Protein backbone atom coordinates (compact mmCIF):
# COMPACT_ATOMS: atom_id res chain seq x y z
CA HIS A 1 104.91 110.09 191.01
CA SER A 2 105.63 109.97 187.28
CA VAL A 3 102.02 108.95 186.50
CA ARG A 4 100.68 111.94 188.44
CA THR A 5 103.23 114.29 186.88
CA LEU A 6 103.25 113.02 183.30
CA GLY A 7 99.87 111.31 183.01
CA PRO A 8 99.05 107.66 182.31
CA GLU A 9 99.44 107.99 178.52
CA HIS A 10 102.90 109.59 178.54
CA PRO A 11 105.44 107.46 176.59
CA VAL A 12 107.80 107.22 179.58
CA VAL A 13 105.00 105.88 181.76
CA VAL A 14 103.82 103.42 179.12
CA THR A 15 107.18 102.10 177.89
CA GLU A 16 109.29 102.34 181.05
CA ARG A 17 107.28 102.63 184.26
CA GLN A 18 104.48 100.17 183.50
CA PRO A 19 106.87 97.35 182.47
CA HIS A 20 109.00 97.93 185.57
CA LEU A 21 105.91 97.84 187.75
CA ALA A 22 104.86 94.61 186.01
CA MET A 23 108.23 93.05 186.82
CA ILE A 24 107.85 94.04 190.48
CA LEU A 25 104.39 92.47 190.53
CA LEU A 26 105.82 89.27 189.04
CA ALA A 27 108.51 89.18 191.72
CA GLN A 28 105.72 89.38 194.29
CA GLY A 29 103.90 86.47 192.69
CA ARG A 30 101.14 88.69 191.34
CA ASP A 31 101.30 87.16 187.86
CA HIS A 32 97.80 88.09 186.71
CA GLU A 33 98.29 91.78 187.50
CA ALA A 34 101.69 91.79 185.78
CA ASP A 35 100.26 90.08 182.69
CA THR A 36 97.49 92.68 182.54
CA LEU A 37 100.00 95.54 182.66
CA PHE A 38 102.17 94.04 179.93
CA ASN A 39 99.15 93.41 177.72
CA GLU A 40 98.06 97.04 178.18
CA VAL A 41 101.48 98.20 177.01
CA PHE A 42 101.38 95.91 173.97
CA THR A 43 98.12 97.47 172.78
CA ARG A 44 99.22 101.11 173.09
CA ASP A 45 99.83 103.26 170.04
CA GLY A 46 102.93 105.35 169.56
CA ILE A 47 105.53 102.91 170.88
CA SER A 48 108.49 102.47 168.54
CA LEU A 49 108.98 99.06 166.96
CA ALA A 50 112.35 98.79 168.71
CA ARG A 51 110.93 99.42 172.18
CA LEU A 52 107.91 97.22 171.54
CA GLY A 53 110.25 94.43 170.42
CA GLU A 54 112.36 94.87 173.54
CA LEU A 55 109.25 94.71 175.74
CA HIS A 56 108.05 91.51 174.06
CA ARG A 57 111.52 90.02 174.58
CA GLU A 58 111.56 91.01 178.29
CA TYR A 59 108.09 89.62 178.82
CA GLY A 60 109.00 86.43 176.97
CA ARG A 61 111.96 85.97 179.30
CA LEU A 62 109.70 86.42 182.30
CA LEU A 63 107.25 83.86 180.92
CA LEU A 64 110.14 81.45 180.36
CA ALA A 65 111.15 81.87 184.00
CA ARG A 66 107.59 80.85 184.91
CA GLY A 67 107.89 77.78 182.68
CA GLU A 68 105.29 79.02 180.19
CA PHE A 69 107.16 77.90 177.07
CA THR A 70 104.42 78.34 174.48
CA ARG A 71 103.54 81.87 175.59
CA ALA A 72 107.22 82.76 175.93
CA GLU A 73 107.85 81.54 172.39
CA SER A 74 105.02 83.67 171.03
CA HIS A 75 106.42 86.84 172.60
CA GLN A 76 110.02 86.03 171.67
CA LEU A 77 109.05 85.48 168.03
CA GLN A 78 107.08 88.75 168.05
CA ALA A 79 110.14 90.48 169.50
CA LEU A 80 112.39 89.14 166.75
CA GLY A 81 109.95 90.16 164.01
CA LEU A 82 109.49 93.69 165.38
CA LEU A 83 113.22 94.23 165.83
CA GLN A 84 114.02 92.90 162.35
CA ARG A 85 111.43 95.30 160.90
CA HIS A 86 112.75 98.24 162.90
CA TYR A 87 116.44 97.74 162.09
CA ALA A 88 115.85 96.25 158.61
CA ARG A 89 118.80 93.91 159.12
CA ASP A 90 119.67 90.71 160.93
CA ASP A 91 123.09 91.71 162.24
CA HIS A 92 122.02 94.56 164.56
CA PRO A 93 122.97 93.74 168.19
CA ASN A 94 119.35 94.16 169.33
CA VAL A 95 118.16 91.63 166.72
CA ILE A 96 120.95 89.28 167.75
CA GLU A 97 119.81 89.61 171.37
CA ALA A 98 116.30 88.55 170.30
CA LYS A 99 117.79 85.46 168.66
CA ARG A 100 119.82 84.80 171.81
CA ALA A 101 116.59 84.91 173.84
CA LEU A 102 115.04 82.36 171.47
CA MET A 103 118.11 80.14 171.78
CA ARG A 104 117.77 80.17 175.57
CA LEU A 105 114.05 79.39 175.34
CA TYR A 106 114.64 76.41 173.07
CA GLU A 107 117.58 75.20 175.20
CA GLU A 108 115.36 75.13 178.28
CA TRP A 109 112.50 73.63 176.26
CA LYS A 110 114.85 70.85 175.07
CA GLN A 111 114.46 71.60 171.35
CA PRO A 112 118.03 71.42 169.96
CA VAL A 113 116.98 71.81 166.31
CA ARG A 114 115.34 75.14 167.15
CA VAL A 115 118.39 76.20 169.21
CA ALA A 116 120.55 75.67 166.14
CA GLN A 117 118.12 77.69 164.00
CA TYR A 118 118.72 80.82 166.12
CA ARG A 119 122.36 80.22 167.12
CA VAL A 120 124.34 83.42 167.65
CA PRO A 121 127.57 84.14 169.55
CA PRO A 122 127.39 84.56 173.32
CA GLY A 123 127.11 88.04 174.76
CA GLN A 124 124.47 90.52 175.81
CA TYR A 125 123.05 93.64 174.21
CA PHE A 126 122.20 96.64 176.37
CA PRO A 127 119.95 99.24 174.71
CA TYR A 128 121.21 102.78 175.20
């Protein structure tokens, strides 16, 4: 209903509804459709660096769950760069969460040197 009410270009549709729909598609095994939706979101204008970074991190985690390490790494590194640019500091909890996502990727990918490079304390950041 939100697409009909707000329109397909509305920021809520682009940054919230489309990614949620993509995650549902992934859960149904419809990977190609989910990938297409995420890639559409990544190319949209007007999304804040923070939200774009969060979306790359979420997508990277989904790719990791599918065992696509190289693609997951690309999106996780993009997430970290975008969040560092947005917050202009390395100690913001959202930046730390991006590093935590990279740690997990490299742990599962069996790359201990890279895990150490992004080591941060355990925890979880929830955007408000």
